[in-house]
Structure formats: structure tokens, C-alpha cells
PDB file of N, CA and C in Angstrom:
ATOM      1  N   MET A   1     -57.764  46.334 -67.483  1.00  0.00           N
ATOM      2  CA  MET A   1     -58.190  45.024 -67.019  1.00  0.00           C
ATOM      3  C   MET A   1     -59.722  44.939 -66.972  1.00  0.00           C
ATOM      4  N   LYS A   2     -60.383  45.964 -66.443  1.00  0.00           N
ATOM      5  CA  LYS A   2     -61.848  45.947 -66.366  1.00  0.00           C
ATOM      6  C   LYS A   2     -62.463  45.911 -67.755  1.00  0.00           C
ATOM      7  N   TRP A   3     -61.857  46.652 -68.702  1.00  0.00           N
ATOM      8  CA  TRP A   3     -62.374  46.704 -70.055  1.00  0.00           C
ATOM      9  C   TRP A   3     -62.297  45.320 -70.707  1.00  0.00           C
ATOM     10  N   THR A   4     -61.193  44.624 -70.521  1.00  0.00           N
ATOM     11  CA  THR A   4     -61.006  43.292 -71.095  1.00  0.00           C
ATOM     12  C   THR A   4     -62.025  42.316 -70.507  1.00  0.00           C
ATOM     13  N   PHE A   5     -62.233  42.387 -69.216  1.00  0.00           N
ATOM     14  CA  PHE A   5     -63.209  41.517 -68.550  1.00  0.00           C
ATOM     15  C   PHE A   5     -64.602  41.770 -69.113  1.00  0.00           C
ATOM     16  N   SER A   6     -64.956  43.031 -69.308  1.00  0.00           N
ATOM     17  CA  SER A   6     -66.275  43.379 -69.847  1.00  0.00           C
ATOM     18  C   SER A   6     -66.458  42.821 -71.254  1.00  0.00           C
ATOM     19  N   VAL A   7     -65.422  42.906 -72.067  1.00  0.00           N
ATOM     20  CA  VAL A   7     -65.503  42.391 -73.434  1.00  0.00           C
ATOM     21  C   VAL A   7     -65.682  40.873 -73.424  1.00  0.00           C
ATOM     22  N   VAL A   8     -64.965  40.190 -72.561  1.00  0.00           N
ATOM     23  CA  VAL A   8     -65.077  38.728 -72.461  1.00  0.00           C
ATOM     24  C   VAL A   8     -66.479  38.333 -72.007  1.00  0.00           C
ATOM     25  N   VAL A   9     -67.000  39.015 -70.990  1.00  0.00           N
ATOM     26  CA  VAL A   9     -68.342  38.705 -70.487  1.00  0.00           C
ATOM     27  C   VAL A   9     -69.384  38.967 -71.576  1.00  0.00           C
ATOM     28  N   PHE A  10     -69.258  40.082 -72.267  1.00  0.00           N
ATOM     29  CA  PHE A  10     -70.200  40.409 -73.338  1.00  0.00           C
ATOM     30  C   PHE A  10     -70.142  39.350 -74.444  1.00  0.00           C
ATOM     31  N   GLY A  11     -68.943  38.915 -74.808  1.00  0.00           N
ATOM     32  CA  GLY A  11     -68.793  37.876 -75.817  1.00  0.00           C
ATOM     33  C   GLY A  11     -69.450  36.573 -75.399  1.00  0.00           C
ATOM     34  N   LEU A  12     -69.271  36.192 -74.146  1.00  0.00           N
ATOM     35  CA  LEU A  12     -69.907  34.970 -73.637  1.00  0.00           C
ATOM     36  C   LEU A  12     -71.424  35.091 -73.656  1.00  0.00           C
ATOM     37  N   MET A  13     -71.936  36.276 -73.348  1.00  0.00           N
ATOM     38  CA  MET A  13     -73.384  36.493 -73.383  1.00  0.00           C
ATOM     39  C   MET A  13     -73.915  36.316 -74.804  1.00  0.00           C
ATOM     40  N   LEU A  14     -73.202  36.864 -75.784  1.00  0.00           N
ATOM     41  CA  LEU A  14     -73.639  36.728 -77.180  1.00  0.00           C
ATOM     42  C   LEU A  14     -73.646  35.270 -77.626  1.00  0.00           C
ATOM     43  N   VAL A  15     -72.612  34.531 -77.255  1.00  0.00           N
ATOM     44  CA  VAL A  15     -72.538  33.114 -77.610  1.00  0.00           C
ATOM     45  C   VAL A  15     -73.686  32.350 -76.958  1.00  0.00           C
ATOM     46  N   THR A  16     -73.953  32.640 -75.687  1.00  0.00           N
ATOM     47  CA  THR A  16     -75.030  31.960 -74.965  1.00  0.00           C
ATOM     48  C   THR A  16     -76.377  32.243 -75.599  1.00  0.00           C
ATOM     49  N   VAL A  17     -76.649  33.493 -75.922  1.00  0.00           N
ATOM     50  CA  VAL A  17     -77.918  33.850 -76.561  1.00  0.00           C
ATOM     51  C   VAL A  17     -78.061  33.125 -77.893  1.00  0.00           C
ATOM     52  N   GLY A  18     -76.990  33.060 -78.666  1.00  0.00           N
ATOM     53  CA  GLY A  18     -77.035  32.352 -79.939  1.00  0.00           C
ATOM     54  C   GLY A  18     -77.336  30.876 -79.771  1.00  0.00           C
ATOM     55  N   LEU A  19     -76.712  30.247 -78.778  1.00  0.00           N
ATOM     56  CA  LEU A  19     -76.961  28.819 -78.530  1.00  0.00           C
ATOM     57  C   LEU A  19     -78.387  28.571 -78.082  1.00  0.00           C
ATOM     58  N   VAL A  20     -78.901  29.423 -77.215  1.00  0.00           N
ATOM     59  CA  VAL A  20     -80.271  29.258 -76.733  1.00  0.00           C
ATOM     60  C   VAL A  20     -81.253  29.413 -77.884  1.00  0.00           C
ATOM     61  N   ARG A  21     -81.028  30.400 -78.744  1.00  0.00           N
ATOM     62  CA  ARG A  21     -81.918  30.581 -79.900  1.00  0.00           C
ATOM     63  C   ARG A  21     -81.861  29.367 -80.824  1.00  0.00           C
ATOM     64  N   GLU A  22     -80.674  28.862 -81.065  1.00  0.00           N
ATOM     65  CA  GLU A  22     -80.514  27.704 -81.951  1.00  0.00           C
ATOM     66  C   GLU A  22     -81.202  26.483 -81.355  1.00  0.00           C
ATOM     67  N   MET A  23     -81.018  26.249 -80.068  1.00  0.00           N
ATOM     68  CA  MET A  23     -81.640  25.096 -79.420  1.00  0.00           C
ATOM     69  C   MET A  23     -83.152  25.238 -79.407  1.00  0.00           C
ATOM     70  N   GLY A  24     -83.642  26.438 -79.154  1.00  0.00           N
ATOM     71  CA  GLY A  24     -85.078  26.670 -79.115  1.00  0.00           C
ATOM     72  C   GLY A  24     -85.736  26.440 -80.450  1.00  0.00           C
ATOM     73  N   ALA A  25     -85.025  26.728 -81.522  1.00  0.00           N
ATOM     74  CA  ALA A  25     -85.590  26.535 -82.849  1.00  0.00           C
ATOM     75  C   ALA A  25     -85.635  25.064 -83.231  1.00  0.00           C
ATOM     76  N   GLN A  26     -84.773  24.260 -82.642  1.00  0.00           N
ATOM     77  CA  GLN A  26     -84.683  22.853 -83.026  1.00  0.00           C
ATOM     78  C   GLN A  26     -85.462  21.919 -82.105  1.00  0.00           C
ATOM     79  N   ALA A  27     -85.495  22.213 -80.835  1.00  0.00           N
ATOM     80  CA  ALA A  27     -86.094  21.286 -79.882  1.00  0.00           C
ATOM     81  C   ALA A  27     -87.335  21.901 -79.242  1.00  0.00           C
ATOM     82  N   PRO A  28     -88.495  21.261 -79.393  1.00  0.00           N
ATOM     83  CA  PRO A  28     -89.686  21.775 -78.731  1.00  0.00           C
ATOM     84  C   PRO A  28     -89.585  21.600 -77.215  1.00  0.00           C
ATOM     85  N   VAL A  29     -90.240  22.485 -76.511  1.00  0.00           N
ATOM     86  CA  VAL A  29     -90.229  22.417 -75.054  1.00  0.00           C
ATOM     87  C   VAL A  29     -91.322  21.453 -74.611  1.00  0.00           C
ATOM     88  N   PRO A  30     -90.972  20.395 -73.877  1.00  0.00           N
ATOM     89  CA  PRO A  30     -92.016  19.485 -73.397  1.00  0.00           C
ATOM     90  C   PRO A  30     -92.803  20.161 -72.271  1.00  0.00           C
ATOM     91  N   VAL A  31     -94.105  20.258 -72.442  1.00  0.00           N
ATOM     92  CA  VAL A  31     -94.958  20.937 -71.472  1.00  0.00           C
ATOM     93  C   VAL A  31     -96.133  20.030 -71.147  1.00  0.00           C
ATOM     94  N   ASP A  32     -96.459  19.938 -69.869  1.00  0.00           N
ATOM     95  CA  ASP A  32     -97.611  19.162 -69.419  1.00  0.00           C
ATOM     96  C   ASP A  32     -98.888  19.856 -69.897  1.00  0.00           C
ATOM     97  N   GLU A  33     -99.757  19.136 -70.585  1.00  0.00           N
ATOM     98  CA  GLU A  33    -100.980  19.709 -71.144  1.00  0.00           C
ATOM     99  C   GLU A  33    -101.871  20.324 -70.069  1.00  0.00           C
ATOM    100  N   SER A  34    -101.882  19.772 -68.861  1.00  0.00           N
ATOM    101  CA  SER A  34    -102.715  20.344 -67.797  1.00  0.00           C
ATOM    102  C   SER A  34    -102.222  21.733 -67.405  1.00  0.00           C
ATOM    103  N   VAL A  35    -100.913  21.953 -67.458  1.00  0.00           N
ATOM    104  CA  VAL A  35    -100.351  23.273 -67.155  1.00  0.00           C
ATOM    105  C   VAL A  35    -100.745  24.257 -68.258  1.00  0.00           C
ATOM    106  N   VAL A  36    -100.695  23.813 -69.507  1.00  0.00           N
ATOM    107  CA  VAL A  36    -101.080  24.660 -70.631  1.00  0.00           C
ATOM    108  C   VAL A  36    -102.546  25.067 -70.486  1.00  0.00           C
ATOM    109  N   LYS A  37    -103.423  24.107 -70.230  1.00  0.00           N
ATOM    110  CA  LYS A  37    -104.852  24.394 -70.080  1.00  0.00           C
ATOM    111  C   LYS A  37    -105.111  25.360 -68.937  1.00  0.00           C
ATOM    112  N   GLN A  38    -104.443  25.137 -67.806  1.00  0.00           N
ATOM    113  CA  GLN A  38    -104.628  26.025 -66.664  1.00  0.00           C
ATOM    114  C   GLN A  38    -104.130  27.434 -66.991  1.00  0.00           C
ATOM    115  N   GLY A  39    -102.991  27.520 -67.646  1.00  0.00           N
ATOM    116  CA  GLY A  39    -102.447  28.823 -68.021  1.00  0.00           C
ATOM    117  C   GLY A  39    -103.373  29.584 -68.946  1.00  0.00           C
ATOM    118  N   LEU A  40    -103.948  28.895 -69.919  1.00  0.00           N
ATOM    119  CA  LEU A  40    -104.885  29.546 -70.830  1.00  0.00           C
ATOM    120  C   LEU A  40    -106.170  29.948 -70.121  1.00  0.00           C
ATOM    121  N   ALA A  41    -106.607  29.131 -69.157  1.00  0.00           N
ATOM    122  CA  ALA A  41    -107.850  29.410 -68.437  1.00  0.00           C
ATOM    123  C   ALA A  41    -107.724  30.594 -67.483  1.00  0.00           C
ATOM    124  N   ILE A  42    -106.573  30.796 -66.897  1.00  0.00           N
ATOM    125  CA  ILE A  42    -106.430  31.856 -65.885  1.00  0.00           C
ATOM    126  C   ILE A  42    -105.894  33.167 -66.452  1.00  0.00           C
ATOM    127  N   ALA A  43    -105.678  33.227 -67.751  1.00  0.00           N
ATOM    128  CA  ALA A  43    -105.182  34.470 -68.358  1.00  0.00           C
ATOM    129  C   ALA A  43    -106.193  35.592 -68.102  1.00  0.00           C
ATOM    130  N   PRO A  44    -105.735  36.727 -67.596  1.00  0.00           N
ATOM    131  CA  PRO A  44    -106.666  37.820 -67.275  1.00  0.00           C
ATOM    132  C   PRO A  44    -107.147  38.596 -68.499  1.00  0.00           C
ATOM    133  N   VAL A  45    -106.548  38.344 -69.647  1.00  0.00           N
ATOM    134  CA  VAL A  45    -106.935  39.010 -70.893  1.00  0.00           C
ATOM    135  C   VAL A  45    -107.074  37.951 -71.981  1.00  0.00           C
ATOM    136  N   PRO A  46    -107.823  38.245 -73.041  1.00  0.00           N
ATOM    137  CA  PRO A  46    -107.892  37.297 -74.150  1.00  0.00           C
ATOM    138  C   PRO A  46    -106.507  37.135 -74.795  1.00  0.00           C
ATOM    139  N   LEU A  47    -106.116  35.913 -75.062  1.00  0.00           N
ATOM    140  CA  LEU A  47    -104.810  35.646 -75.644  1.00  0.00           C
ATOM    141  C   LEU A  47    -104.932  35.419 -77.146  1.00  0.00           C
ATOM    142  N   ASN A  48    -104.084  36.067 -77.913  1.00  0.00           N
ATOM    143  CA  ASN A  48    -104.037  35.898 -79.359  1.00  0.00           C
ATOM    144  C   ASN A  48    -103.095  34.732 -79.655  1.00  0.00           C
ATOM    145  N   LEU A  49    -103.641  33.616 -80.091  1.00  0.00           N
ATOM    146  CA  LEU A  49    -102.842  32.433 -80.383  1.00  0.00           C
ATOM    147  C   LEU A  49    -102.504  32.300 -81.864  1.00  0.00           C
ATOM    148  N   ARG A  50    -102.980  33.219 -82.687  1.00  0.00           N
ATOM    149  CA  ARG A  50    -102.755  33.115 -84.130  1.00  0.00           C
ATOM    150  C   ARG A  50    -101.255  33.166 -84.441  1.00  0.00           C
ATOM    151  N   GLY A  51    -100.763  32.093 -85.060  1.00  0.00           N
ATOM    152  CA  GLY A  51     -99.363  32.025 -85.454  1.00  0.00           C
ATOM    153  C   GLY A  51     -98.402  31.758 -84.309  1.00  0.00           C
ATOM    154  N   LYS A  52     -98.941  31.413 -83.149  1.00  0.00           N
ATOM    155  CA  LYS A  52     -98.093  31.179 -81.977  1.00  0.00           C
ATOM    156  C   LYS A  52     -98.216  29.735 -81.510  1.00  0.00           C
ATOM    157  N   ASN A  53     -97.238  29.287 -80.760  1.00  0.00           N
ATOM    158  CA  ASN A  53     -97.249  27.946 -80.192  1.00  0.00           C
ATOM    159  C   ASN A  53     -98.176  27.945 -78.968  1.00  0.00           C
ATOM    160  N   ARG A  54     -99.304  27.260 -79.070  1.00  0.00           N
ATOM    161  CA  ARG A  54    -100.304  27.235 -78.010  1.00  0.00           C
ATOM    162  C   ARG A  54     -99.716  26.792 -76.680  1.00  0.00           C
ATOM    163  N   ALA A  55     -98.862  25.764 -76.705  1.00  0.00           N
ATOM    164  CA  ALA A  55     -98.270  25.240 -75.471  1.00  0.00           C
ATOM    165  C   ALA A  55     -97.371  26.276 -74.802  1.00  0.00           C
ATOM    166  N   LEU A  56     -96.590  27.008 -75.582  1.00  0.00           N
ATOM    167  CA  LEU A  56     -95.702  28.012 -74.999  1.00  0.00           C
ATOM    168  C   LEU A  56     -96.473  29.210 -74.457  1.00  0.00           C
ATOM    169  N   VAL A  57     -97.542  29.609 -75.149  1.00  0.00           N
ATOM    170  CA  VAL A  57     -98.369  30.711 -74.646  1.00  0.00           C
ATOM    171  C   VAL A  57     -99.034  30.302 -73.335  1.00  0.00           C
ATOM    172  N   GLY A  58     -99.579  29.089 -73.303  1.00  0.00           N
ATOM    173  CA  GLY A  58    -100.209  28.598 -72.073  1.00  0.00           C
ATOM    174  C   GLY A  58     -99.218  28.482 -70.935  1.00  0.00           C
ATOM    175  N   LEU A  59     -98.031  27.973 -71.232  1.00  0.00           N
ATOM    176  CA  LEU A  59     -96.995  27.870 -70.207  1.00  0.00           C
ATOM    177  C   LEU A  59     -96.600  29.251 -69.705  1.00  0.00           C
ATOM    178  N   GLY A  60     -96.423  30.197 -70.614  1.00  0.00           N
ATOM    179  CA  GLY A  60     -96.072  31.560 -70.212  1.00  0.00           C
ATOM    180  C   GLY A  60     -97.130  32.178 -69.329  1.00  0.00           C
ATOM    181  N   SER A  61     -98.388  31.996 -69.695  1.00  0.00           N
ATOM    182  CA  SER A  61     -99.480  32.511 -68.879  1.00  0.00           C
ATOM    183  C   SER A  61     -99.487  31.854 -67.502  1.00  0.00           C
ATOM    184  N   TYR A  62     -99.253  30.566 -67.474  1.00  0.00           N
ATOM    185  CA  TYR A  62     -99.201  29.854 -66.197  1.00  0.00           C
ATOM    186  C   TYR A  62     -98.083  30.397 -65.303  1.00  0.00           C
ATOM    187  N   LEU A  63     -96.903  30.582 -65.891  1.00  0.00           N
ATOM    188  CA  LEU A  63     -95.772  31.079 -65.104  1.00  0.00           C
ATOM    189  C   LEU A  63     -96.018  32.481 -64.580  1.00  0.00           C
ATOM    190  N   VAL A  64     -96.604  33.333 -65.415  1.00  0.00           N
ATOM    191  CA  VAL A  64     -96.846  34.724 -65.014  1.00  0.00           C
ATOM    192  C   VAL A  64     -98.001  34.829 -64.024  1.00  0.00           C
ATOM    193  N   ASN A  65     -99.094  34.123 -64.288  1.00  0.00           N
ATOM    194  CA  ASN A  65    -100.320  34.340 -63.504  1.00  0.00           C
ATOM    195  C   ASN A  65    -100.490  33.379 -62.328  1.00  0.00           C
ATOM    196  N   ALA A  66     -99.863  32.214 -62.370  1.00  0.00           N
ATOM    197  CA  ALA A  66    -100.041  31.262 -61.263  1.00  0.00           C
ATOM    198  C   ALA A  66     -98.807  31.158 -60.390  1.00  0.00           C
ATOM    199  N   VAL A  67     -97.648  31.022 -61.011  1.00  0.00           N
ATOM    200  CA  VAL A  67     -96.428  30.801 -60.245  1.00  0.00           C
ATOM    201  C   VAL A  67     -95.899  32.099 -59.647  1.00  0.00           C
ATOM    202  N   SER A  68     -95.820  33.150 -60.457  1.00  0.00           N
ATOM    203  CA  SER A  68     -95.218  34.379 -59.968  1.00  0.00           C
ATOM    204  C   SER A  68     -96.232  35.298 -59.290  1.00  0.00           C
ATOM    205  N   GLU A  69     -97.499  34.957 -59.383  1.00  0.00           N
ATOM    206  CA  GLU A  69     -98.583  35.726 -58.752  1.00  0.00           C
ATOM    207  C   GLU A  69     -98.603  37.175 -59.199  1.00  0.00           C
ATOM    208  N   CYS A  70     -98.420  37.390 -60.495  1.00  0.00           N
ATOM    209  CA  CYS A  70     -98.478  38.768 -61.034  1.00  0.00           C
ATOM    210  C   CYS A  70     -99.909  39.259 -61.089  1.00  0.00           C
TER     211      CYS A  70
END
């Protein structure tokens, strides 16, 4: 019984990851430009934006450095 439950949970995780990846590739994340600017400004290290989505990098920096207080 435990083995079957584990297989079902693992299968659901794989399906969820696939859906999230598919949605992420199709729909851009709406981000407030002020949050992006603040995130880029407070980054403790230089950020490499080459080939990356500027808004997502700024949002990530904001979440890590401002919200979570890392």
C-alpha cells in the first residue's frame, strides 16, 4: 500500500512539474517594474543579465534580498 501511494504521489509531482514548465514557457510573469528595479539595485553581487529575462532576475533578487532577508 505504501509503495502504491509513493508511485501515485511521484506521478502527480511529474505531471505538475511538466504543467508548470509548459505554462512558464507560454505565459510571461507580470511583474511590477518598481519591484524589478529595487531587486536589481539591492543585489549584493553583480548580476549577469546576458541571455536572461531582466524582470525575472530582478524579481528573484527582490524576493531573496528584500522579502526573505537573506
